[in-house]
C-alpha cells in the first residue's frame, strides 16, 4: 500500500471509485436488533482499525439511526476519535471544516445518552432499595462457635476457612468479633 492510497469503507453497495489510488471495502447492512447492532458496530470498528480505513461512507442518516441511538453514537464517536472521516452520502460530509462541530455534537449526544442510562440505573436501584430489596452479595454466615472450636484445636485460619467454605479473612473477622 502506498502512502497516497486511501482505504475507504462503504456501508452498503455503491459505485466503484474512479481513482485507482483508493480501495473500497463494502460492508452489507441490513436492519437489525439491538444485540445484532452492537455486534455489527464492534465488527465494523475492528475492520476499520485492522484495515487502517481513512473514510467511512454511510448512505444516509436513516441507515445510521437504524442501529439505535446508543450504537450509532458509539460508532460515530469511535470513528472520529480514530481520525476516520465520516461521510453521510445524503447529508453531512465529515471531511469539511465543520468536523470539529460534528465531533462536539456527537460527543455531547454520547454523554447525554450515557447520563440518561446511568440515571435510569440509579432510579431502578433506589426503587429496589425503597421496596426493601438487599442489593449486592448476600452476607456469609459462619458459626462463631465452630470457628472457635476449630481454632482451639490449633488449625490455621486458612484450614478453618477451607473446612467451613469461607475465606481466611472471614474467619479472621469472626474471631475478632467483626
N, C-alpha and C. Protein backbone atom coordinates (compact mmCIF):
# COMPACT_ATOMS: atom_id res chain seq x y z
N UNK A 1 0.85 -1.18 0.00
CA UNK A 1 0.00 0.00 0.00
C UNK A 1 0.89 1.24 0.00
N UNK A 2 0.65 2.15 -0.93
CA UNK A 2 1.43 3.38 -0.98
C UNK A 2 0.91 4.35 0.05
N UNK A 3 1.70 5.39 0.33
CA UNK A 3 1.27 6.36 1.33
C UNK A 3 0.09 7.18 0.84
N UNK A 4 -0.12 7.25 -0.48
CA UNK A 4 -1.23 8.04 -1.01
C UNK A 4 -2.52 7.24 -1.08
N UNK A 5 -2.40 5.93 -1.01
CA UNK A 5 -3.60 5.10 -1.12
C UNK A 5 -4.49 5.29 0.10
N UNK A 6 -5.75 5.42 -0.14
CA UNK A 6 -6.72 5.54 0.94
C UNK A 6 -7.64 4.34 0.89
N UNK A 7 -7.90 3.79 2.03
CA UNK A 7 -8.87 2.70 2.10
C UNK A 7 -10.18 3.30 2.56
N UNK A 8 -11.19 3.09 1.80
CA UNK A 8 -12.49 3.67 2.12
C UNK A 8 -13.46 2.54 2.41
N UNK A 9 -14.11 2.64 3.53
CA UNK A 9 -15.08 1.63 3.93
C UNK A 9 -16.45 2.18 3.61
N UNK A 10 -17.18 1.44 2.83
CA UNK A 10 -18.52 1.89 2.48
C UNK A 10 -19.51 0.90 3.06
N UNK A 11 -20.47 1.43 3.76
CA UNK A 11 -21.53 0.57 4.29
C UNK A 11 -22.61 0.53 3.21
N UNK A 12 -22.90 -0.63 2.70
CA UNK A 12 -23.84 -0.90 1.63
C UNK A 12 -23.13 -0.88 0.29
N UNK A 13 -23.80 -1.38 -0.72
CA UNK A 13 -23.21 -1.39 -2.05
C UNK A 13 -23.23 0.01 -2.64
N UNK A 14 -22.21 0.32 -3.42
CA UNK A 14 -22.14 1.64 -4.04
C UNK A 14 -21.38 1.58 -5.34
N UNK A 15 -21.23 2.71 -5.98
CA UNK A 15 -20.50 2.81 -7.24
C UNK A 15 -19.00 2.71 -6.95
N UNK A 16 -18.25 2.01 -7.81
CA UNK A 16 -16.81 1.94 -7.60
C UNK A 16 -16.17 3.31 -7.83
N UNK A 17 -15.07 3.57 -7.14
CA UNK A 17 -14.38 4.84 -7.29
C UNK A 17 -13.57 4.85 -8.57
N UNK A 18 -13.43 6.03 -9.17
CA UNK A 18 -12.65 6.16 -10.40
C UNK A 18 -11.17 6.27 -10.09
N UNK A 19 -10.84 6.78 -8.90
CA UNK A 19 -9.44 6.99 -8.52
C UNK A 19 -8.80 5.63 -8.21
N UNK A 20 -7.76 5.28 -8.95
CA UNK A 20 -7.11 3.98 -8.77
C UNK A 20 -6.34 3.90 -7.46
N UNK A 21 -6.05 5.04 -6.83
CA UNK A 21 -5.29 5.05 -5.58
C UNK A 21 -6.18 4.74 -4.38
N UNK A 22 -7.45 4.53 -4.61
CA UNK A 22 -8.35 4.26 -3.49
C UNK A 22 -8.92 2.85 -3.61
N UNK A 23 -9.06 2.22 -2.49
CA UNK A 23 -9.63 0.88 -2.45
C UNK A 23 -10.89 0.97 -1.60
N UNK A 24 -11.95 0.37 -2.05
CA UNK A 24 -13.22 0.48 -1.33
C UNK A 24 -13.62 -0.90 -0.82
N UNK A 25 -13.81 -0.98 0.48
CA UNK A 25 -14.32 -2.20 1.09
C UNK A 25 -15.81 -1.98 1.31
N UNK A 26 -16.62 -2.95 0.96
CA UNK A 26 -18.06 -2.78 1.10
C UNK A 26 -18.57 -3.72 2.18
N UNK A 27 -19.35 -3.15 3.08
CA UNK A 27 -19.95 -3.95 4.14
C UNK A 27 -21.46 -3.89 3.96
N UNK A 28 -22.12 -5.03 3.72
CA UNK A 28 -23.57 -5.00 3.57
C UNK A 28 -24.23 -4.67 4.90
N UNK A 29 -25.31 -3.95 4.83
CA UNK A 29 -26.01 -3.52 6.03
C UNK A 29 -27.48 -3.87 5.90
N UNK A 30 -28.04 -4.44 6.96
CA UNK A 30 -29.46 -4.78 6.98
C UNK A 30 -30.02 -4.32 8.32
N UNK A 31 -31.29 -3.92 8.37
CA UNK A 31 -31.89 -3.56 9.66
C UNK A 31 -31.73 -4.71 10.65
N UNK A 32 -31.48 -4.38 11.92
CA UNK A 32 -31.16 -5.43 12.89
C UNK A 32 -31.65 -5.08 14.28
N UNK A 33 -31.61 -6.08 15.15
CA UNK A 33 -32.00 -5.88 16.54
C UNK A 33 -30.88 -5.16 17.29
N UNK A 34 -31.17 -4.73 18.51
CA UNK A 34 -30.19 -4.01 19.33
C UNK A 34 -28.94 -4.85 19.57
N UNK A 35 -29.11 -6.14 19.86
CA UNK A 35 -27.97 -7.02 20.11
C UNK A 35 -27.12 -7.18 18.86
N UNK A 36 -27.78 -7.37 17.73
CA UNK A 36 -27.04 -7.51 16.48
C UNK A 36 -26.38 -6.19 16.09
N UNK A 37 -27.01 -5.06 16.44
CA UNK A 37 -26.42 -3.75 16.13
C UNK A 37 -25.11 -3.58 16.88
N UNK A 38 -25.07 -4.00 18.14
CA UNK A 38 -23.83 -3.89 18.92
C UNK A 38 -22.74 -4.75 18.29
N UNK A 39 -23.09 -5.97 17.90
CA UNK A 39 -22.11 -6.86 17.26
C UNK A 39 -21.66 -6.28 15.92
N UNK A 40 -22.59 -5.68 15.17
CA UNK A 40 -22.25 -5.07 13.88
C UNK A 40 -21.27 -3.92 14.08
N UNK A 41 -21.54 -3.06 15.07
CA UNK A 41 -20.65 -1.92 15.34
C UNK A 41 -19.28 -2.41 15.79
N UNK A 42 -19.25 -3.41 16.67
CA UNK A 42 -17.96 -3.98 17.11
C UNK A 42 -17.17 -4.51 15.92
N UNK A 43 -17.84 -5.25 15.04
CA UNK A 43 -17.20 -5.82 13.86
C UNK A 43 -16.71 -4.71 12.91
N UNK A 44 -17.54 -3.70 12.73
CA UNK A 44 -17.18 -2.59 11.85
C UNK A 44 -15.96 -1.85 12.37
N UNK A 45 -15.94 -1.56 13.67
CA UNK A 45 -14.80 -0.85 14.26
C UNK A 45 -13.53 -1.69 14.17
N UNK A 46 -13.66 -3.00 14.37
CA UNK A 46 -12.49 -3.89 14.25
C UNK A 46 -11.95 -3.86 12.82
N UNK A 47 -12.84 -3.89 11.83
CA UNK A 47 -12.41 -3.83 10.42
C UNK A 47 -11.74 -2.50 10.11
N UNK A 48 -12.31 -1.42 10.63
CA UNK A 48 -11.74 -0.09 10.40
C UNK A 48 -10.32 -0.02 10.93
N UNK A 49 -10.12 -0.54 12.14
CA UNK A 49 -8.79 -0.47 12.76
C UNK A 49 -7.81 -1.43 12.07
N UNK A 50 -8.28 -2.62 11.71
CA UNK A 50 -7.41 -3.61 11.09
C UNK A 50 -6.95 -3.15 9.71
N UNK A 51 -7.86 -2.61 8.92
CA UNK A 51 -7.56 -2.22 7.55
C UNK A 51 -7.04 -0.78 7.43
N UNK A 52 -6.91 -0.09 8.56
CA UNK A 52 -6.47 1.31 8.58
C UNK A 52 -7.30 2.17 7.63
N UNK A 53 -8.60 2.08 7.80
CA UNK A 53 -9.55 2.81 6.95
C UNK A 53 -9.42 4.30 7.20
N UNK A 54 -9.48 5.09 6.14
CA UNK A 54 -9.35 6.54 6.28
C UNK A 54 -10.69 7.26 6.19
N UNK A 55 -11.70 6.63 5.59
CA UNK A 55 -13.01 7.26 5.49
C UNK A 55 -14.09 6.18 5.50
N UNK A 56 -15.21 6.52 6.11
CA UNK A 56 -16.36 5.63 6.12
C UNK A 56 -17.52 6.37 5.46
N UNK A 57 -18.07 5.78 4.41
CA UNK A 57 -19.21 6.35 3.72
C UNK A 57 -20.46 5.63 4.20
N UNK A 58 -21.41 6.39 4.67
CA UNK A 58 -22.67 5.84 5.15
C UNK A 58 -23.76 6.41 4.24
N UNK A 59 -24.63 5.56 3.69
CA UNK A 59 -25.59 6.03 2.69
C UNK A 59 -26.50 7.16 3.16
N UNK A 60 -26.99 7.07 4.39
CA UNK A 60 -27.91 8.11 4.86
C UNK A 60 -27.97 8.09 6.38
N UNK A 61 -28.53 9.14 6.92
CA UNK A 61 -28.70 9.23 8.37
C UNK A 61 -29.65 8.15 8.85
N UNK A 62 -30.60 7.74 8.00
CA UNK A 62 -31.55 6.69 8.37
C UNK A 62 -30.82 5.36 8.61
N UNK A 63 -29.83 5.08 7.77
CA UNK A 63 -29.04 3.85 7.96
C UNK A 63 -28.36 3.87 9.31
N UNK A 64 -27.79 5.02 9.64
CA UNK A 64 -27.10 5.17 10.91
C UNK A 64 -28.07 5.05 12.08
N UNK A 65 -29.22 5.72 11.97
CA UNK A 65 -30.20 5.71 13.06
C UNK A 65 -30.82 4.34 13.27
N UNK A 66 -30.84 3.50 12.22
CA UNK A 66 -31.43 2.18 12.38
C UNK A 66 -30.61 1.30 13.32
N UNK A 67 -29.37 1.72 13.62
CA UNK A 67 -28.56 0.99 14.61
C UNK A 67 -29.04 1.25 16.03
N UNK A 68 -29.83 2.28 16.22
CA UNK A 68 -30.23 2.71 17.55
C UNK A 68 -29.31 3.84 17.99
N UNK A 69 -29.82 4.73 18.83
CA UNK A 69 -29.07 5.93 19.23
C UNK A 69 -27.73 5.58 19.87
N UNK A 70 -27.74 4.66 20.82
CA UNK A 70 -26.52 4.33 21.54
C UNK A 70 -25.44 3.79 20.61
N UNK A 71 -25.79 2.83 19.76
CA UNK A 71 -24.80 2.22 18.87
C UNK A 71 -24.35 3.20 17.78
N UNK A 72 -25.28 4.01 17.27
CA UNK A 72 -24.91 5.00 16.25
C UNK A 72 -23.92 6.01 16.82
N UNK A 73 -24.20 6.48 18.02
CA UNK A 73 -23.29 7.44 18.65
C UNK A 73 -21.95 6.80 18.98
N UNK A 74 -21.99 5.57 19.46
CA UNK A 74 -20.73 4.87 19.78
C UNK A 74 -19.89 4.70 18.52
N UNK A 75 -20.54 4.34 17.42
CA UNK A 75 -19.83 4.18 16.16
C UNK A 75 -19.21 5.50 15.71
N UNK A 76 -20.01 6.55 15.69
CA UNK A 76 -19.51 7.84 15.20
C UNK A 76 -18.40 8.40 16.08
N UNK A 77 -18.60 8.35 17.39
CA UNK A 77 -17.57 8.87 18.30
C UNK A 77 -16.28 8.07 18.15
N UNK A 78 -16.37 6.76 18.07
CA UNK A 78 -15.17 5.92 17.91
C UNK A 78 -14.45 6.22 16.60
N UNK A 79 -15.21 6.37 15.52
CA UNK A 79 -14.60 6.68 14.23
C UNK A 79 -13.88 8.02 14.27
N UNK A 80 -14.54 9.01 14.85
CA UNK A 80 -13.94 10.34 14.91
C UNK A 80 -12.71 10.35 15.81
N UNK A 81 -12.77 9.61 16.92
CA UNK A 81 -11.61 9.54 17.81
C UNK A 81 -10.44 8.85 17.13
N UNK A 82 -10.73 7.91 16.22
CA UNK A 82 -9.67 7.21 15.49
C UNK A 82 -9.17 8.01 14.29
N UNK A 83 -9.75 9.20 14.08
CA UNK A 83 -9.30 10.05 12.97
C UNK A 83 -9.83 9.61 11.62
N UNK A 84 -10.94 8.89 11.61
CA UNK A 84 -11.54 8.42 10.36
C UNK A 84 -12.56 9.45 9.90
N UNK A 85 -12.51 9.81 8.60
CA UNK A 85 -13.50 10.72 8.04
C UNK A 85 -14.83 10.00 7.96
N UNK A 86 -15.91 10.69 8.33
CA UNK A 86 -17.25 10.13 8.26
C UNK A 86 -18.03 10.94 7.24
N UNK A 87 -18.57 10.25 6.25
CA UNK A 87 -19.33 10.93 5.21
C UNK A 87 -20.70 10.28 5.12
N UNK A 88 -21.73 11.09 5.34
CA UNK A 88 -23.10 10.65 5.10
C UNK A 88 -23.38 11.06 3.66
N UNK A 89 -23.54 10.07 2.77
CA UNK A 89 -23.64 10.38 1.35
C UNK A 89 -24.83 11.26 1.02
N UNK A 90 -25.88 11.18 1.82
CA UNK A 90 -27.03 12.06 1.63
C UNK A 90 -27.08 13.00 2.83
N UNK A 91 -26.08 13.80 3.00
CA UNK A 91 -26.07 14.71 4.15
C UNK A 91 -24.70 15.25 4.45
N UNK A 92 -24.28 15.14 5.71
CA UNK A 92 -23.08 15.78 6.21
C UNK A 92 -21.81 15.10 5.73
N UNK A 93 -20.87 15.90 5.26
CA UNK A 93 -19.55 15.41 4.88
C UNK A 93 -18.61 15.74 6.03
N UNK A 94 -18.16 14.71 6.74
CA UNK A 94 -17.31 14.92 7.91
C UNK A 94 -15.91 15.36 7.59
N UNK A 95 -15.56 15.48 6.30
CA UNK A 95 -14.22 15.91 5.92
C UNK A 95 -14.11 17.43 5.84
N UNK A 96 -15.19 18.12 6.01
CA UNK A 96 -15.16 19.57 5.87
C UNK A 96 -14.70 20.24 7.15
N UNK A 97 -14.63 21.55 7.12
CA UNK A 97 -14.18 22.34 8.26
C UNK A 97 -15.12 22.17 9.46
N UNK A 98 -16.33 21.75 9.22
CA UNK A 98 -17.31 21.62 10.29
C UNK A 98 -17.14 20.32 11.09
N UNK A 99 -16.08 19.60 10.81
CA UNK A 99 -15.83 18.34 11.51
C UNK A 99 -15.74 18.54 13.01
N UNK A 100 -15.10 19.62 13.45
CA UNK A 100 -14.98 19.85 14.89
C UNK A 100 -16.36 20.07 15.52
N UNK A 101 -17.25 20.74 14.80
CA UNK A 101 -18.61 20.93 15.31
C UNK A 101 -19.34 19.59 15.39
N UNK A 102 -19.14 18.75 14.39
CA UNK A 102 -19.77 17.44 14.39
C UNK A 102 -19.24 16.60 15.55
N UNK A 103 -17.94 16.66 15.77
CA UNK A 103 -17.35 15.93 16.90
C UNK A 103 -17.94 16.41 18.21
N UNK A 104 -18.05 17.71 18.37
CA UNK A 104 -18.60 18.27 19.60
C UNK A 104 -20.04 17.80 19.79
N UNK A 105 -20.84 17.87 18.71
CA UNK A 105 -22.23 17.46 18.79
C UNK A 105 -22.35 15.98 19.15
N UNK A 106 -21.58 15.14 18.47
CA UNK A 106 -21.65 13.71 18.75
C UNK A 106 -21.18 13.38 20.15
N UNK A 107 -20.13 14.04 20.57
CA UNK A 107 -19.63 13.82 21.93
C UNK A 107 -20.68 14.22 22.96
N UNK A 108 -21.33 15.36 22.72
CA UNK A 108 -22.38 15.82 23.64
C UNK A 108 -23.54 14.83 23.67
N UNK A 109 -23.96 14.37 22.50
CA UNK A 109 -25.06 13.41 22.45
C UNK A 109 -24.68 12.10 23.13
N UNK A 110 -23.44 11.67 22.94
CA UNK A 110 -22.97 10.44 23.58
C UNK A 110 -23.02 10.57 25.10
N UNK A 111 -22.53 11.70 25.61
CA UNK A 111 -22.54 11.90 27.06
C UNK A 111 -23.97 12.00 27.59
N UNK A 112 -24.86 12.63 26.83
CA UNK A 112 -26.26 12.68 27.25
C UNK A 112 -26.87 11.28 27.30
N UNK A 113 -26.56 10.46 26.30
CA UNK A 113 -27.08 9.09 26.29
C UNK A 113 -26.54 8.31 27.48
N UNK A 114 -25.26 8.48 27.80
CA UNK A 114 -24.67 7.79 28.95
C UNK A 114 -25.29 8.27 30.26
N UNK A 115 -25.49 9.58 30.38
CA UNK A 115 -26.12 10.12 31.59
C UNK A 115 -27.54 9.59 31.74
N UNK A 116 -28.27 9.53 30.63
CA UNK A 116 -29.64 9.02 30.67
C UNK A 116 -29.65 7.57 31.14
N UNK A 117 -28.74 6.78 30.62
CA UNK A 117 -28.65 5.36 31.01
C UNK A 117 -28.30 5.22 32.49
N UNK A 118 -27.31 5.98 32.96
CA UNK A 118 -26.92 5.86 34.37
C UNK A 118 -28.02 6.39 35.28
N UNK A 119 -28.77 7.40 34.83
CA UNK A 119 -29.89 7.91 35.62
C UNK A 119 -30.97 6.84 35.76
N UNK A 120 -31.23 6.10 34.67
CA UNK A 120 -32.22 5.02 34.73
C UNK A 120 -31.77 3.93 35.70
N UNK A 121 -30.48 3.60 35.68
CA UNK A 121 -29.95 2.57 36.58
C UNK A 121 -30.06 3.03 38.02
N UNK A 122 -29.65 4.29 38.29
CA UNK A 122 -29.74 4.81 39.66
C UNK A 122 -31.18 4.82 40.16
N UNK A 123 -32.12 5.20 39.29
CA UNK A 123 -33.53 5.23 39.66
C UNK A 123 -34.01 3.82 40.01
N UNK A 124 -33.63 2.84 39.20
CA UNK A 124 -34.03 1.46 39.46
C UNK A 124 -33.44 0.94 40.76
N UNK A 125 -32.18 1.28 41.04
CA UNK A 125 -31.54 0.85 42.29
C UNK A 125 -32.24 1.49 43.48
N UNK A 126 -32.53 2.78 43.41
CA UNK A 126 -33.22 3.46 44.51
C UNK A 126 -34.62 2.90 44.72
N UNK A 127 -35.31 2.57 43.63
CA UNK A 127 -36.64 1.97 43.74
C UNK A 127 -36.55 0.60 44.41
N UNK A 128 -35.56 -0.19 44.06
CA UNK A 128 -35.38 -1.51 44.68
C UNK A 128 -35.09 -1.36 46.17
N UNK A 129 -34.24 -0.41 46.52
CA UNK A 129 -33.94 -0.18 47.94
C UNK A 129 -35.19 0.25 48.70
N UNK A 130 -36.00 1.10 48.06
CA UNK A 130 -37.23 1.57 48.70
C UNK A 130 -38.17 0.40 48.98
N UNK A 131 -38.17 -0.60 48.09
CA UNK A 131 -39.00 -1.78 48.29
C UNK A 131 -38.39 -2.76 49.28
N UNK A 132 -37.16 -2.47 49.74
CA UNK A 132 -36.52 -3.33 50.72
C UNK A 132 -35.65 -4.43 50.15
N UNK A 133 -35.37 -4.37 48.87
CA UNK A 133 -34.52 -5.38 48.25
C UNK A 133 -33.08 -5.13 48.66
N UNK A 134 -32.40 -6.18 49.12
CA UNK A 134 -31.00 -6.03 49.50
C UNK A 134 -30.16 -6.25 48.26
N UNK A 135 -29.34 -5.26 47.92
CA UNK A 135 -28.51 -5.33 46.73
C UNK A 135 -27.11 -5.81 47.09
N UNK A 136 -26.43 -6.41 46.15
CA UNK A 136 -25.06 -6.87 46.38
C UNK A 136 -25.02 -8.33 46.77
N UNK A 137 -23.81 -8.76 47.12
CA UNK A 137 -23.64 -10.15 47.52
C UNK A 137 -24.31 -10.39 48.86
N UNK A 138 -24.91 -11.55 49.04
CA UNK A 138 -25.50 -11.86 50.34
C UNK A 138 -24.40 -12.06 51.37
N UNK A 139 -24.67 -11.69 52.62
CA UNK A 139 -23.65 -11.86 53.66
C UNK A 139 -23.37 -13.35 53.91
N UNK A 140 -22.12 -13.65 54.22
CA UNK A 140 -21.72 -15.03 54.50
C UNK A 140 -21.95 -15.30 55.98
N UNK A 141 -22.68 -16.36 56.27
CA UNK A 141 -22.97 -16.73 57.65
C UNK A 141 -21.97 -17.80 58.10
N UNK A 142 -21.33 -17.56 59.25
CA UNK A 142 -20.36 -18.52 59.80
C UNK A 142 -20.68 -18.69 61.28
N UNK A 143 -20.71 -19.94 61.70
CA UNK A 143 -20.98 -20.25 63.11
C UNK A 143 -19.73 -19.91 63.92
N UNK A 144 -19.84 -18.89 64.78
CA UNK A 144 -18.71 -18.43 65.58
C UNK A 144 -18.19 -19.55 66.48
N UNK A 145 -19.09 -20.33 67.06
CA UNK A 145 -18.69 -21.42 67.95
C UNK A 145 -17.85 -22.47 67.21
N UNK A 146 -18.23 -22.76 65.98
CA UNK A 146 -17.49 -23.74 65.18
C UNK A 146 -16.08 -23.22 64.88
N UNK A 147 -15.98 -21.92 64.55
CA UNK A 147 -14.68 -21.31 64.27
C UNK A 147 -13.80 -21.39 65.52
N UNK A 148 -14.36 -21.03 66.69
CA UNK A 148 -13.59 -21.06 67.94
C UNK A 148 -13.15 -22.48 68.28
N UNK A 149 -14.03 -23.46 68.04
CA UNK A 149 -13.70 -24.85 68.33
C UNK A 149 -12.53 -25.33 67.45
N UNK A 150 -12.59 -25.00 66.15
CA UNK A 150 -11.52 -25.41 65.24
C UNK A 150 -10.21 -24.68 65.56
N UNK A 151 -10.32 -23.42 65.96
CA UNK A 151 -9.12 -22.65 66.29
C UNK A 151 -8.46 -23.21 67.55
N UNK A 152 -9.29 -23.64 68.52
CA UNK A 152 -8.74 -24.20 69.76
C UNK A 152 -8.00 -25.52 69.51
N UNK A 153 -8.34 -26.19 68.41
CA UNK A 153 -7.63 -27.41 68.03
C UNK A 153 -6.29 -27.10 67.37
N UNK A 154 -6.02 -25.81 67.15
CA UNK A 154 -4.74 -25.41 66.58
C UNK A 154 -4.73 -25.30 65.05
N UNK A 155 -5.91 -25.30 64.43
CA UNK A 155 -5.96 -25.18 62.97
C UNK A 155 -5.67 -23.74 62.54
N UNK A 156 -5.06 -23.60 61.38
CA UNK A 156 -4.77 -22.26 60.84
C UNK A 156 -6.06 -21.63 60.31
N UNK A 157 -6.00 -20.30 60.11
CA UNK A 157 -7.17 -19.60 59.57
C UNK A 157 -7.53 -20.16 58.19
N UNK A 158 -6.50 -20.44 57.39
CA UNK A 158 -6.73 -20.98 56.05
C UNK A 158 -7.43 -22.34 56.12
N UNK A 159 -7.00 -23.20 57.01
CA UNK A 159 -7.59 -24.54 57.13
C UNK A 159 -9.03 -24.44 57.66
N UNK A 160 -9.25 -23.55 58.61
CA UNK A 160 -10.62 -23.35 59.13
C UNK A 160 -11.52 -22.88 57.99
N UNK A 161 -11.04 -21.90 57.23
CA UNK A 161 -11.81 -21.39 56.10
C UNK A 161 -12.10 -22.47 55.08
N UNK A 162 -11.12 -23.30 54.80
CA UNK A 162 -11.29 -24.39 53.84
C UNK A 162 -12.38 -25.35 54.32
N UNK A 163 -12.36 -25.69 55.60
CA UNK A 163 -13.35 -26.64 56.15
C UNK A 163 -14.76 -26.07 56.18
N UNK A 164 -14.86 -24.77 56.45
CA UNK A 164 -16.18 -24.14 56.55
C UNK A 164 -16.65 -23.54 55.22
N UNK A 165 -15.78 -23.52 54.23
CA UNK A 165 -16.16 -22.99 52.92
C UNK A 165 -16.21 -21.48 52.85
N UNK A 166 -15.35 -20.82 53.64
CA UNK A 166 -15.28 -19.35 53.63
C UNK A 166 -13.81 -18.94 53.48
N UNK A 167 -13.60 -17.64 53.29
CA UNK A 167 -12.22 -17.15 53.14
C UNK A 167 -11.54 -17.04 54.50
N UNK A 168 -10.20 -16.98 54.49
CA UNK A 168 -9.47 -16.83 55.75
C UNK A 168 -9.73 -15.46 56.36
N UNK A 169 -10.01 -14.44 55.53
CA UNK A 169 -10.31 -13.11 56.09
C UNK A 169 -11.65 -13.12 56.81
N UNK A 170 -12.61 -13.93 56.33
CA UNK A 170 -13.90 -14.05 57.02
C UNK A 170 -13.69 -14.75 58.36
N UNK A 171 -12.84 -15.77 58.40
CA UNK A 171 -12.53 -16.46 59.66
C UNK A 171 -11.89 -15.48 60.64
N UNK A 172 -10.96 -14.66 60.14
CA UNK A 172 -10.29 -13.67 60.98
C UNK A 172 -11.31 -12.68 61.56
N UNK A 173 -12.23 -12.19 60.71
CA UNK A 173 -13.22 -11.22 61.20
C UNK A 173 -14.17 -11.84 62.22
N UNK A 174 -14.50 -13.13 62.07
CA UNK A 174 -15.36 -13.81 63.05
C UNK A 174 -14.61 -13.94 64.38
N UNK A 175 -13.33 -14.28 64.32
CA UNK A 175 -12.53 -14.42 65.55
C UNK A 175 -12.37 -13.10 66.28
N UNK A 176 -12.32 -12.01 65.53
CA UNK A 176 -12.13 -10.70 66.15
C UNK A 176 -13.44 -9.94 66.36
N UNK A 177 -14.56 -10.64 66.21
CA UNK A 177 -15.86 -10.07 66.54
C UNK A 177 -16.37 -9.00 65.59
N UNK A 178 -15.95 -9.02 64.37
CA UNK A 178 -16.41 -8.01 63.41
C UNK A 178 -17.55 -8.52 62.58
